[in-house]
PDB file of N, CA and C in Angstrom:
ATOM      1  N   UNK A   1      15.683  -4.874  16.081  1.00  0.00           N
ATOM      2  CA  UNK A   1      15.278  -5.768  15.068  1.00  0.00           C
ATOM      3  C   UNK A   1      14.900  -7.134  15.200  1.00  0.00           C
ATOM      4  N   UNK A   2      13.528  -7.932  15.459  1.00  0.00           N
ATOM      5  CA  UNK A   2      12.653  -8.835  15.350  1.00  0.00           C
ATOM      6  C   UNK A   2      12.957  -9.892  14.344  1.00  0.00           C
ATOM      7  N   UNK A   3      12.963 -10.739  14.112  1.00  0.00           N
ATOM      8  CA  UNK A   3      13.257 -12.333  13.334  1.00  0.00           C
ATOM      9  C   UNK A   3      12.192 -12.550  13.028  1.00  0.00           C
ATOM     10  N   UNK A   4      11.436 -12.941  11.700  1.00  0.00           N
ATOM     11  CA  UNK A   4      10.515 -13.062  11.426  1.00  0.00           C
ATOM     12  C   UNK A   4      10.577 -14.894  11.258  1.00  0.00           C
ATOM     13  N   UNK A   5       9.799 -15.681  11.749  1.00  0.00           N
ATOM     14  CA  UNK A   5       9.602 -16.800  11.044  1.00  0.00           C
ATOM     15  C   UNK A   5       8.722 -16.818   9.906  1.00  0.00           C
ATOM     16  N   UNK A   6       8.831 -18.040   8.952  1.00  0.00           N
ATOM     17  CA  UNK A   6       8.100 -18.607   8.093  1.00  0.00           C
ATOM     18  C   UNK A   6       6.666 -18.406   8.144  1.00  0.00           C
ATOM     19  N   UNK A   7       6.007 -17.629   7.197  1.00  0.00           N
ATOM     20  CA  UNK A   7       4.657 -17.139   7.342  1.00  0.00           C
ATOM     21  C   UNK A   7       4.043 -16.680   8.332  1.00  0.00           C
ATOM     22  N   UNK A   8       5.395 -15.511   9.413  1.00  0.00           N
ATOM     23  CA  UNK A   8       4.590 -14.989  10.249  1.00  0.00           C
ATOM     24  C   UNK A   8       5.024 -13.277   9.162  1.00  0.00           C
ATOM     25  N   UNK A   9       3.906 -12.571   8.991  1.00  0.00           N
ATOM     26  CA  UNK A   9       3.909 -11.319   8.241  1.00  0.00           C
ATOM     27  C   UNK A   9       4.087 -10.103   9.118  1.00  0.00           C
ATOM     28  N   UNK A  10       4.287 -10.305  10.560  1.00  0.00           N
ATOM     29  CA  UNK A  10       4.472  -8.961  11.226  1.00  0.00           C
ATOM     30  C   UNK A  10       5.069  -9.221  13.068  1.00  0.00           C
ATOM     31  N   UNK A  11       5.573  -8.761  13.668  1.00  0.00           N
ATOM     32  CA  UNK A  11       6.613  -8.865  14.752  1.00  0.00           C
ATOM     33  C   UNK A  11       6.275  -7.554  15.224  1.00  0.00           C
ATOM     34  N   UNK A  12       6.262  -7.800  16.473  1.00  0.00           N
ATOM     35  CA  UNK A  12       6.360  -6.152  17.202  1.00  0.00           C
ATOM     36  C   UNK A  12       7.174  -6.810  18.548  1.00  0.00           C
ATOM     37  N   UNK A  13       7.996  -5.899  18.955  1.00  0.00           N
ATOM     38  CA  UNK A  13       8.443  -6.260  20.531  1.00  0.00           C
ATOM     39  C   UNK A  13       7.694  -5.237  20.879  1.00  0.00           C
ATOM     40  N   UNK A  14       7.775  -4.898  22.524  1.00  0.00           N
ATOM     41  CA  UNK A  14       8.307  -3.859  23.636  1.00  0.00           C
ATOM     42  C   UNK A  14       9.553  -4.450  24.176  1.00  0.00           C
ATOM     43  N   UNK A  15      10.269  -2.672  24.557  1.00  0.00           N
ATOM     44  CA  UNK A  15      10.694  -3.066  25.907  1.00  0.00           C
ATOM     45  C   UNK A  15      11.117  -1.797  26.715  1.00  0.00           C
ATOM     46  N   UNK A  16      11.055  -1.927  28.329  1.00  0.00           N
ATOM     47  CA  UNK A  16      10.621  -1.029  28.890  1.00  0.00           C
ATOM     48  C   UNK A  16      11.732  -0.938  29.572  1.00  0.00           C
ATOM     49  N   UNK A  17      12.654   0.403  29.522  1.00  0.00           N
ATOM     50  CA  UNK A  17      13.753   0.895  30.651  1.00  0.00           C
ATOM     51  C   UNK A  17      13.186   2.426  31.468  1.00  0.00           C
ATOM     52  N   UNK A  18      13.459   1.962  33.051  1.00  0.00           N
ATOM     53  CA  UNK A  18      12.417   3.385  33.372  1.00  0.00           C
ATOM     54  C   UNK A  18      11.345   3.468  33.139  1.00  0.00           C
ATOM     55  N   UNK A  19      11.369   5.014  32.939  1.00  0.00           N
ATOM     56  CA  UNK A  19       9.692   5.788  32.074  1.00  0.00           C
ATOM     57  C   UNK A  19       9.358   5.169  30.535  1.00  0.00           C
ATOM     58  N   UNK A  20      10.475   4.929  29.823  1.00  0.00           N
ATOM     59  CA  UNK A  20      10.437   4.806  28.903  1.00  0.00           C
ATOM     60  C   UNK A  20      10.373   2.987  28.544  1.00  0.00           C
ATOM     61  N   UNK A  21       9.090   3.440  26.891  1.00  0.00           N
ATOM     62  CA  UNK A  21       9.359   2.174  26.260  1.00  0.00           C
ATOM     63  C   UNK A  21       9.252   2.378  24.815  1.00  0.00           C
ATOM     64  N   UNK A  22      10.339   1.211  24.075  1.00  0.00           N
ATOM     65  CA  UNK A  22      11.098   1.063  22.954  1.00  0.00           C
ATOM     66  C   UNK A  22       9.920   0.020  22.245  1.00  0.00           C
ATOM     67  N   UNK A  23       9.666   0.579  21.193  1.00  0.00           N
ATOM     68  CA  UNK A  23       8.982  -0.349  20.154  1.00  0.00           C
ATOM     69  C   UNK A  23       9.682  -0.795  18.883  1.00  0.00           C
ATOM     70  N   UNK A  24       9.455  -2.223  18.655  1.00  0.00           N
ATOM     71  CA  UNK A  24      10.242  -2.260  17.517  1.00  0.00           C
ATOM     72  C   UNK A  24       9.431  -3.519  16.688  1.00  0.00           C
ATOM     73  N   UNK A  25       9.688  -2.946  15.120  1.00  0.00           N
ATOM     74  CA  UNK A  25       8.298  -3.280  14.069  1.00  0.00           C
ATOM     75  C   UNK A  25       9.193  -4.295  12.930  1.00  0.00           C
ATOM     76  N   UNK A  26       8.727  -5.511  12.573  1.00  0.00           N
ATOM     77  CA  UNK A  26       9.491  -6.174  11.905  1.00  0.00           C
ATOM     78  C   UNK A  26       8.396  -6.381  10.588  1.00  0.00           C
ATOM     79  N   UNK A  27       8.658  -6.380   9.224  1.00  0.00           N
ATOM     80  CA  UNK A  27       7.211  -6.966   8.759  1.00  0.00           C
ATOM     81  C   UNK A  27       7.929  -7.583   7.227  1.00  0.00           C
ATOM     82  N   UNK A  28       7.254  -8.343   7.265  1.00  0.00           N
ATOM     83  CA  UNK A  28       7.782  -9.066   5.482  1.00  0.00           C
ATOM     84  C   UNK A  28       6.759  -8.392   4.400  1.00  0.00           C
ATOM     85  N   UNK A  29       7.176  -7.471   3.346  1.00  0.00           N
ATOM     86  CA  UNK A  29       5.823  -6.597   2.656  1.00  0.00           C
ATOM     87  C   UNK A  29       5.389  -7.475   1.992  1.00  0.00           C
ATOM     88  N   UNK A  30       5.810  -8.961   1.883  1.00  0.00           N
ATOM     89  CA  UNK A  30       4.792  -9.418   1.229  1.00  0.00           C
ATOM     90  C   UNK A  30       3.518  -9.780   1.702  1.00  0.00           C
ATOM     91  N   UNK A  31       3.661 -10.318   2.894  1.00  0.00           N
ATOM     92  CA  UNK A  31       2.826 -10.540   3.552  1.00  0.00           C
ATOM     93  C   UNK A  31       1.787  -8.740   4.358  1.00  0.00           C
ATOM     94  N   UNK A  32       2.053  -8.533   4.303  1.00  0.00           N
ATOM     95  CA  UNK A  32       2.020  -6.539   4.975  1.00  0.00           C
ATOM     96  C   UNK A  32       2.683  -5.377   4.078  1.00  0.00           C
ATOM     97  N   UNK A  33       1.764  -5.426   3.243  1.00  0.00           N
ATOM     98  CA  UNK A  33       2.145  -4.332   2.058  1.00  0.00           C
ATOM     99  C   UNK A  33       2.701  -3.040   2.736  1.00  0.00           C
ATOM    100  N   UNK A  34       2.350  -2.627   3.825  1.00  0.00           N
ATOM    101  CA  UNK A  34       2.278  -1.446   4.030  1.00  0.00           C
ATOM    102  C   UNK A  34       2.889  -1.390   5.631  1.00  0.00           C
ATOM    103  N   UNK A  35       3.898  -1.802   5.786  1.00  0.00           N
ATOM    104  CA  UNK A  35       4.344  -1.934   7.157  1.00  0.00           C
ATOM    105  C   UNK A  35       4.381  -0.394   8.058  1.00  0.00           C
ATOM    106  N   UNK A  36       4.900   0.754   6.874  1.00  0.00           N
ATOM    107  CA  UNK A  36       4.810   1.989   7.477  1.00  0.00           C
ATOM    108  C   UNK A  36       3.414   2.702   8.014  1.00  0.00           C
ATOM    109  N   UNK A  37       2.595   2.343   7.138  1.00  0.00           N
ATOM    110  CA  UNK A  37       1.261   2.496   7.819  1.00  0.00           C
ATOM    111  C   UNK A  37       0.723   2.042   8.807  1.00  0.00           C
ATOM    112  N   UNK A  38       1.100   0.900   8.988  1.00  0.00           N
ATOM    113  CA  UNK A  38       1.126  -0.017  10.354  1.00  0.00           C
ATOM    114  C   UNK A  38       1.848   0.656  11.663  1.00  0.00           C
ATOM    115  N   UNK A  39       3.256   1.305  11.507  1.00  0.00           N
ATOM    116  CA  UNK A  39       3.650   2.015  12.437  1.00  0.00           C
ATOM    117  C   UNK A  39       3.405   2.770  12.770  1.00  0.00           C
ATOM    118  N   UNK A  40       2.613   3.643  11.698  1.00  0.00           N
ATOM    119  CA  UNK A  40       2.205   5.345  11.694  1.00  0.00           C
ATOM    120  C   UNK A  40       0.932   5.024  12.662  1.00  0.00           C
ATOM    121  N   UNK A  41      -0.083   3.962  12.248  1.00  0.00           N
ATOM    122  CA  UNK A  41      -1.118   3.344  13.214  1.00  0.00           C
ATOM    123  C   UNK A  41      -1.235   3.167  15.268  1.00  0.00           C
ATOM    124  N   UNK A  42       0.170   2.292  15.134  1.00  0.00           N
ATOM    125  CA  UNK A  42       0.729   1.879  16.242  1.00  0.00           C
ATOM    126  C   UNK A  42       0.896   2.764  17.357  1.00  0.00           C
ATOM    127  N   UNK A  43       1.661   4.270  16.394  1.00  0.00           N
ATOM    128  CA  UNK A  43       2.158   5.266  17.421  1.00  0.00           C
ATOM    129  C   UNK A  43       1.014   6.074  17.553  1.00  0.00           C
ATOM    130  N   UNK A  44       0.077   6.442  16.694  1.00  0.00           N
ATOM    131  CA  UNK A  44      -1.124   7.069  16.989  1.00  0.00           C
ATOM    132  C   UNK A  44      -1.795   6.691  18.130  1.00  0.00           C
ATOM    133  N   UNK A  45      -1.837   5.387  18.527  1.00  0.00           N
ATOM    134  CA  UNK A  45      -2.508   4.528  19.055  1.00  0.00           C
ATOM    135  C   UNK A  45      -1.887   5.031  20.803  1.00  0.00           C
ATOM    136  N   UNK A  46      -0.747   4.771  20.455  1.00  0.00           N
ATOM    137  CA  UNK A  46       0.298   4.811  21.831  1.00  0.00           C
ATOM    138  C   UNK A  46       0.107   6.191  22.361  1.00  0.00           C
ATOM    139  N   UNK A  47       0.302   7.009  21.339  1.00  0.00           N
ATOM    140  CA  UNK A  47      -0.100   8.491  21.544  1.00  0.00           C
ATOM    141  C   UNK A  47      -1.382   9.048  22.482  1.00  0.00           C
ATOM    142  N   UNK A  48      -2.249   8.175  21.796  1.00  0.00           N
ATOM    143  CA  UNK A  48      -3.655   8.007  22.207  1.00  0.00           C
ATOM    144  C   UNK A  48      -4.063   8.217  23.794  1.00  0.00           C
ATOM    145  N   UNK A  49      -3.043   7.051  24.305  1.00  0.00           N
ATOM    146  CA  UNK A  49      -3.209   5.904  25.464  1.00  0.00           C
ATOM    147  C   UNK A  49      -2.160   6.747  26.508  1.00  0.00           C
ATOM    148  N   UNK A  50      -1.473   7.243  25.791  1.00  0.00           N
ATOM    149  CA  UNK A  50      -0.652   8.704  26.427  1.00  0.00           C
ATOM    150  C   UNK A  50      -1.190   9.252  27.197  1.00  0.00           C
ATOM    151  N   UNK A  51      -1.888  10.288  25.911  1.00  0.00           N
ATOM    152  CA  UNK A  51      -2.651  11.496  26.891  1.00  0.00           C
ATOM    153  C   UNK A  51      -3.735  11.213  27.140  1.00  0.00           C
ATOM    154  N   UNK A  52      -4.666  10.157  27.143  1.00  0.00           N
ATOM    155  CA  UNK A  52      -5.577   9.918  27.786  1.00  0.00           C
ATOM    156  C   UNK A  52      -5.002   9.349  29.377  1.00  0.00           C
ATOM    157  N   UNK A  53      -3.703   8.776  29.848  1.00  0.00           N
ATOM    158  CA  UNK A  53      -3.203   8.188  31.012  1.00  0.00           C
ATOM    159  C   UNK A  53      -3.020   9.416  31.700  1.00  0.00           C
ATOM    160  N   UNK A  54      -2.645  10.377  31.062  1.00  0.00           N
ATOM    161  CA  UNK A  54      -2.127  11.648  31.466  1.00  0.00           C
ATOM    162  C   UNK A  54      -2.812  12.724  31.684  1.00  0.00           C
ATOM    163  N   UNK A  55      -4.568  12.453  31.089  1.00  0.00           N
ATOM    164  CA  UNK A  55      -5.352  12.885  31.713  1.00  0.00           C
ATOM    165  C   UNK A  55      -6.173  12.430  32.813  1.00  0.00           C
ATOM    166  N   UNK A  56      -6.178  10.848  33.156  1.00  0.00           N
ATOM    167  CA  UNK A  56      -6.941  10.334  33.838  1.00  0.00           C
ATOM    168  C   UNK A  56      -7.861   9.655  33.443  1.00  0.00           C
ATOM    169  N   UNK A  57      -8.108   9.591  32.307  1.00  0.00           N
ATOM    170  CA  UNK A  57      -9.754   9.311  31.526  1.00  0.00           C
ATOM    171  C   UNK A  57      -9.651   7.866  31.117  1.00  0.00           C
ATOM    172  N   UNK A  58     -10.710   7.410  31.806  1.00  0.00           N
ATOM    173  CA  UNK A  58     -11.321   6.344  31.156  1.00  0.00           C
ATOM    174  C   UNK A  58     -12.180   6.066  30.038  1.00  0.00           C
ATOM    175  N   UNK A  59     -11.500   6.897  29.510  1.00  0.00           N
ATOM    176  CA  UNK A  59     -12.627   6.941  27.507  1.00  0.00           C
ATOM    177  C   UNK A  59     -12.623   5.271  27.052  1.00  0.00           C
ATOM    178  N   UNK A  60     -11.362   5.254  27.228  1.00  0.00           N
ATOM    179  CA  UNK A  60     -10.980   3.861  26.342  1.00  0.00           C
ATOM    180  C   UNK A  60     -10.974   2.850  27.104  1.00  0.00           C
ATOM    181  N   UNK A  61     -11.475   2.695  28.448  1.00  0.00           N
ATOM    182  CA  UNK A  61     -11.740   1.629  29.257  1.00  0.00           C
ATOM    183  C   UNK A  61     -13.062   0.853  28.933  1.00  0.00           C
ATOM    184  N   UNK A  62     -12.952  -0.724  28.151  1.00  0.00           N
ATOM    185  CA  UNK A  62     -14.186  -1.104  28.004  1.00  0.00           C
ATOM    186  C   UNK A  62     -14.404  -2.036  28.894  1.00  0.00           C
ATOM    187  N   UNK A  63     -13.435  -1.943  29.934  1.00  0.00           N
ATOM    188  CA  UNK A  63     -14.090  -3.363  31.396  1.00  0.00           C
ATOM    189  C   UNK A  63     -15.555  -2.751  31.784  1.00  0.00           C
ATOM    190  N   UNK A  64     -16.072  -3.777  32.361  1.00  0.00           N
ATOM    191  CA  UNK A  64     -17.094  -3.354  33.833  1.00  0.00           C
ATOM    192  C   UNK A  64     -16.594  -3.832  34.825  1.00  0.00           C
ATOM    193  N   UNK A  65     -17.303  -2.931  35.844  1.00  0.00           N
ATOM    194  CA  UNK A  65     -17.027  -3.021  37.192  1.00  0.00           C
ATOM    195  C   UNK A  65     -18.128  -3.818  37.794  1.00  0.00           C
TER     196      UNK A  65
END
């Protein structure tokens, strides 16, 4: 659980341990009306990153060499 400062609508925290990543999301529903939607989108984005990493894909890499 992450405490929110006044006027902050969203806090996202990450914690790694070994090969695991824990994610915590705290939201002020007055400022972010759909925190579950945000959490679902974050979950989907992390799943996409995991899939790409396991495939060795650079499809999402926007850096130029």
